[in-house]
Amino acid sequence: MDSGIDRLTCGREEELVGFLYGEIDEVEAQTFRGHMQDCASCSSEVMAFRNVRQSVIDWRNESLSAQSHADLGSHIPTRRR
């Protein structure tokens, strides 16, 4: 599997990963944000990661919501006459 991080030409792969996972302090994060304004490669990688993360969050929420509705349906008592 080809990772976009392998294609970075700026040499800031470790900073990118730290930024993506919130493992760098605020000063380093601010510096990296400034770097992304000039580095299309890092900016693109961060945007792609955010899109994937949001897709996973959306999928999880939809799955949990569907499961919740299914669970609710199984607990609704039927009316007897």
N, C-alpha and C. Protein backbone atom coordinates (compact mmCIF):
# COMPACT_ATOMS: atom_id res chain seq x y z
N MET A 1 0.84 -1.17 0.00
CA MET A 1 0.00 0.00 0.00
C MET A 1 0.89 1.23 0.00
N ASP A 2 0.62 2.15 -0.91
CA ASP A 2 1.44 3.34 -1.06
C ASP A 2 0.93 4.44 -0.14
N SER A 3 1.76 4.91 0.74
CA SER A 3 1.40 5.98 1.66
C SER A 3 1.88 7.30 1.08
N GLY A 4 1.01 8.30 1.13
CA GLY A 4 1.39 9.62 0.67
C GLY A 4 2.57 10.17 1.44
N ILE A 5 2.71 9.76 2.69
CA ILE A 5 3.81 10.25 3.51
C ILE A 5 5.14 9.83 2.89
N ASP A 6 5.17 8.67 2.22
CA ASP A 6 6.39 8.22 1.57
C ASP A 6 6.79 9.14 0.42
N ARG A 7 5.85 9.93 -0.09
CA ARG A 7 6.11 10.80 -1.24
C ARG A 7 6.45 12.24 -0.85
N LEU A 8 6.47 12.55 0.44
CA LEU A 8 6.77 13.92 0.86
C LEU A 8 8.20 14.26 0.44
N THR A 9 8.36 15.46 -0.07
CA THR A 9 9.69 15.87 -0.51
C THR A 9 10.31 16.89 0.43
N CYS A 10 9.57 17.33 1.43
CA CYS A 10 10.07 18.37 2.33
C CYS A 10 10.88 17.81 3.48
N GLY A 11 10.81 16.50 3.72
CA GLY A 11 11.58 15.89 4.80
C GLY A 11 10.96 16.06 6.17
N ARG A 12 9.68 16.41 6.24
CA ARG A 12 9.05 16.65 7.53
C ARG A 12 8.02 15.58 7.88
N GLU A 13 8.31 14.34 7.50
CA GLU A 13 7.39 13.24 7.72
C GLU A 13 7.06 13.05 9.19
N GLU A 14 8.07 13.10 10.05
CA GLU A 14 7.84 12.89 11.48
C GLU A 14 6.97 13.99 12.07
N GLU A 15 7.20 15.23 11.64
CA GLU A 15 6.37 16.33 12.12
C GLU A 15 4.93 16.16 11.65
N LEU A 16 4.77 15.71 10.41
CA LEU A 16 3.44 15.50 9.86
C LEU A 16 2.67 14.48 10.69
N VAL A 17 3.30 13.37 10.98
CA VAL A 17 2.65 12.31 11.77
C VAL A 17 2.32 12.83 13.17
N GLY A 18 3.25 13.54 13.78
CA GLY A 18 3.00 14.11 15.10
C GLY A 18 1.85 15.10 15.07
N PHE A 19 1.77 15.89 14.03
CA PHE A 19 0.67 16.85 13.88
C PHE A 19 -0.66 16.12 13.71
N LEU A 20 -0.68 15.12 12.85
CA LEU A 20 -1.92 14.38 12.59
C LEU A 20 -2.47 13.72 13.84
N TYR A 21 -1.59 13.21 14.68
CA TYR A 21 -2.02 12.48 15.87
C TYR A 21 -1.99 13.31 17.15
N GLY A 22 -1.77 14.63 17.00
CA GLY A 22 -1.78 15.51 18.15
C GLY A 22 -0.67 15.24 19.14
N GLU A 23 0.46 14.77 18.64
CA GLU A 23 1.57 14.39 19.51
C GLU A 23 2.63 15.48 19.64
N ILE A 24 2.38 16.64 19.04
CA ILE A 24 3.33 17.74 19.17
C ILE A 24 2.68 18.86 19.97
N ASP A 25 3.52 19.69 20.59
CA ASP A 25 2.96 20.77 21.40
C ASP A 25 2.42 21.89 20.51
N GLU A 26 1.77 22.85 21.12
CA GLU A 26 1.09 23.90 20.36
C GLU A 26 2.06 24.75 19.54
N VAL A 27 3.24 25.02 20.07
CA VAL A 27 4.23 25.80 19.33
C VAL A 27 4.66 25.05 18.07
N GLU A 28 4.94 23.76 18.21
CA GLU A 28 5.31 22.94 17.05
C GLU A 28 4.15 22.83 16.06
N ALA A 29 2.94 22.71 16.57
CA ALA A 29 1.76 22.63 15.70
C ALA A 29 1.59 23.92 14.91
N GLN A 30 1.79 25.06 15.56
CA GLN A 30 1.67 26.34 14.88
C GLN A 30 2.74 26.48 13.81
N THR A 31 3.94 26.05 14.13
CA THR A 31 5.03 26.08 13.14
C THR A 31 4.69 25.20 11.95
N PHE A 32 4.14 24.03 12.23
CA PHE A 32 3.79 23.11 11.14
C PHE A 32 2.64 23.68 10.30
N ARG A 33 1.68 24.33 10.93
CA ARG A 33 0.59 24.98 10.17
C ARG A 33 1.17 26.01 9.20
N GLY A 34 2.15 26.77 9.67
CA GLY A 34 2.83 27.73 8.79
C GLY A 34 3.52 27.03 7.64
N HIS A 35 4.17 25.91 7.93
CA HIS A 35 4.84 25.11 6.89
C HIS A 35 3.83 24.65 5.84
N MET A 36 2.65 24.24 6.29
CA MET A 36 1.65 23.72 5.34
C MET A 36 1.18 24.80 4.36
N GLN A 37 1.28 26.07 4.73
CA GLN A 37 0.89 27.13 3.82
C GLN A 37 1.79 27.16 2.59
N ASP A 38 3.03 26.69 2.75
CA ASP A 38 3.99 26.69 1.64
C ASP A 38 4.25 25.31 1.06
N CYS A 39 3.74 24.26 1.72
CA CYS A 39 4.03 22.89 1.28
C CYS A 39 2.73 22.20 0.86
N ALA A 40 2.52 22.14 -0.43
CA ALA A 40 1.29 21.53 -0.96
C ALA A 40 1.21 20.05 -0.60
N SER A 41 2.36 19.38 -0.51
CA SER A 41 2.37 17.95 -0.21
C SER A 41 1.86 17.69 1.21
N CYS A 42 2.39 18.41 2.19
CA CYS A 42 1.93 18.22 3.57
C CYS A 42 0.48 18.66 3.72
N SER A 43 0.13 19.76 3.10
CA SER A 43 -1.24 20.25 3.18
C SER A 43 -2.22 19.23 2.61
N SER A 44 -1.85 18.63 1.50
CA SER A 44 -2.69 17.60 0.88
C SER A 44 -2.82 16.37 1.76
N GLU A 45 -1.73 15.95 2.38
CA GLU A 45 -1.77 14.78 3.27
C GLU A 45 -2.66 15.04 4.47
N VAL A 46 -2.57 16.22 5.06
CA VAL A 46 -3.39 16.54 6.22
C VAL A 46 -4.86 16.55 5.82
N MET A 47 -5.19 17.13 4.68
CA MET A 47 -6.57 17.17 4.21
C MET A 47 -7.10 15.76 3.95
N ALA A 48 -6.29 14.92 3.33
CA ALA A 48 -6.71 13.54 3.06
C ALA A 48 -6.95 12.79 4.36
N PHE A 49 -6.07 12.96 5.34
CA PHE A 49 -6.22 12.30 6.63
C PHE A 49 -7.50 12.76 7.32
N ARG A 50 -7.75 14.06 7.27
CA ARG A 50 -8.97 14.59 7.90
C ARG A 50 -10.22 14.04 7.21
N ASN A 51 -10.18 13.92 5.89
CA ASN A 51 -11.32 13.36 5.17
C ASN A 51 -11.57 11.91 5.55
N VAL A 52 -10.50 11.13 5.65
CA VAL A 52 -10.63 9.72 6.03
C VAL A 52 -11.16 9.62 7.45
N ARG A 53 -10.60 10.42 8.35
CA ARG A 53 -11.04 10.39 9.75
C ARG A 53 -12.51 10.76 9.85
N GLN A 54 -12.95 11.78 9.11
CA GLN A 54 -14.35 12.18 9.15
C GLN A 54 -15.25 11.10 8.57
N SER A 55 -14.80 10.43 7.53
CA SER A 55 -15.58 9.33 6.94
C SER A 55 -15.75 8.19 7.94
N VAL A 56 -14.71 7.88 8.68
CA VAL A 56 -14.79 6.82 9.69
C VAL A 56 -15.74 7.23 10.81
N ILE A 57 -15.66 8.48 11.24
CA ILE A 57 -16.56 8.98 12.28
C ILE A 57 -18.01 8.90 11.81
N ASP A 58 -18.26 9.35 10.57
CA ASP A 58 -19.62 9.31 10.02
C ASP A 58 -20.13 7.88 9.94
N TRP A 59 -19.28 6.97 9.46
CA TRP A 59 -19.66 5.55 9.35
C TRP A 59 -19.98 4.97 10.71
N ARG A 60 -19.13 5.28 11.69
CA ARG A 60 -19.34 4.77 13.05
C ARG A 60 -20.66 5.29 13.61
N ASN A 61 -20.91 6.57 13.44
CA ASN A 61 -22.15 7.15 13.96
C ASN A 61 -23.38 6.56 13.28
N GLU A 62 -23.31 6.35 11.98
CA GLU A 62 -24.42 5.73 11.26
C GLU A 62 -24.63 4.29 11.74
N SER A 63 -23.55 3.57 11.92
CA SER A 63 -23.65 2.18 12.37
C SER A 63 -24.23 2.10 13.76
N LEU A 64 -23.76 2.96 14.65
CA LEU A 64 -24.28 2.96 16.02
C LEU A 64 -25.75 3.36 16.05
N SER A 65 -26.10 4.32 15.22
CA SER A 65 -27.49 4.77 15.16
C SER A 65 -28.40 3.65 14.64
N ALA A 66 -27.95 2.96 13.60
CA ALA A 66 -28.74 1.86 13.05
C ALA A 66 -28.87 0.74 14.07
N GLN A 67 -27.79 0.44 14.78
CA GLN A 67 -27.83 -0.60 15.80
C GLN A 67 -28.77 -0.20 16.93
N SER A 68 -28.71 1.07 17.31
CA SER A 68 -29.58 1.58 18.38
C SER A 68 -31.05 1.41 18.00
N HIS A 69 -31.37 1.76 16.76
CA HIS A 69 -32.74 1.62 16.31
C HIS A 69 -33.17 0.15 16.26
N ALA A 70 -32.27 -0.71 15.85
CA ALA A 70 -32.58 -2.14 15.80
C ALA A 70 -32.80 -2.67 17.22
N ASP A 71 -31.96 -2.24 18.14
CA ASP A 71 -32.11 -2.67 19.53
C ASP A 71 -33.42 -2.17 20.12
N LEU A 72 -33.77 -0.95 19.83
CA LEU A 72 -35.03 -0.39 20.33
C LEU A 72 -36.22 -1.18 19.81
N GLY A 73 -36.16 -1.53 18.54
CA GLY A 73 -37.26 -2.28 17.93
C GLY A 73 -37.46 -3.63 18.57
N SER A 74 -36.40 -4.25 19.02
CA SER A 74 -36.52 -5.58 19.62
C SER A 74 -37.03 -5.51 21.06
N HIS A 75 -37.01 -4.31 21.64
CA HIS A 75 -37.46 -4.16 23.03
C HIS A 75 -38.87 -3.58 23.15
N ILE A 76 -39.46 -3.26 22.03
CA ILE A 76 -40.81 -2.71 22.08
C ILE A 76 -41.79 -3.86 22.27
N PRO A 77 -42.53 -3.84 23.35
CA PRO A 77 -43.46 -4.97 23.58
C PRO A 77 -44.61 -4.93 22.57
N THR A 78 -45.03 -6.10 22.21
CA THR A 78 -46.17 -6.17 21.30
C THR A 78 -47.45 -6.13 22.13
N ARG A 79 -48.43 -5.56 21.55
CA ARG A 79 -49.71 -5.41 22.25
C ARG A 79 -50.54 -6.67 22.08
N ARG A 80 -51.00 -7.21 23.16
CA ARG A 80 -51.82 -8.42 23.10
C ARG A 80 -53.26 -8.04 23.27
N ARG A 81 -54.10 -8.75 22.60
CA ARG A 81 -55.55 -8.49 22.70
C ARG A 81 -56.23 -9.60 23.42
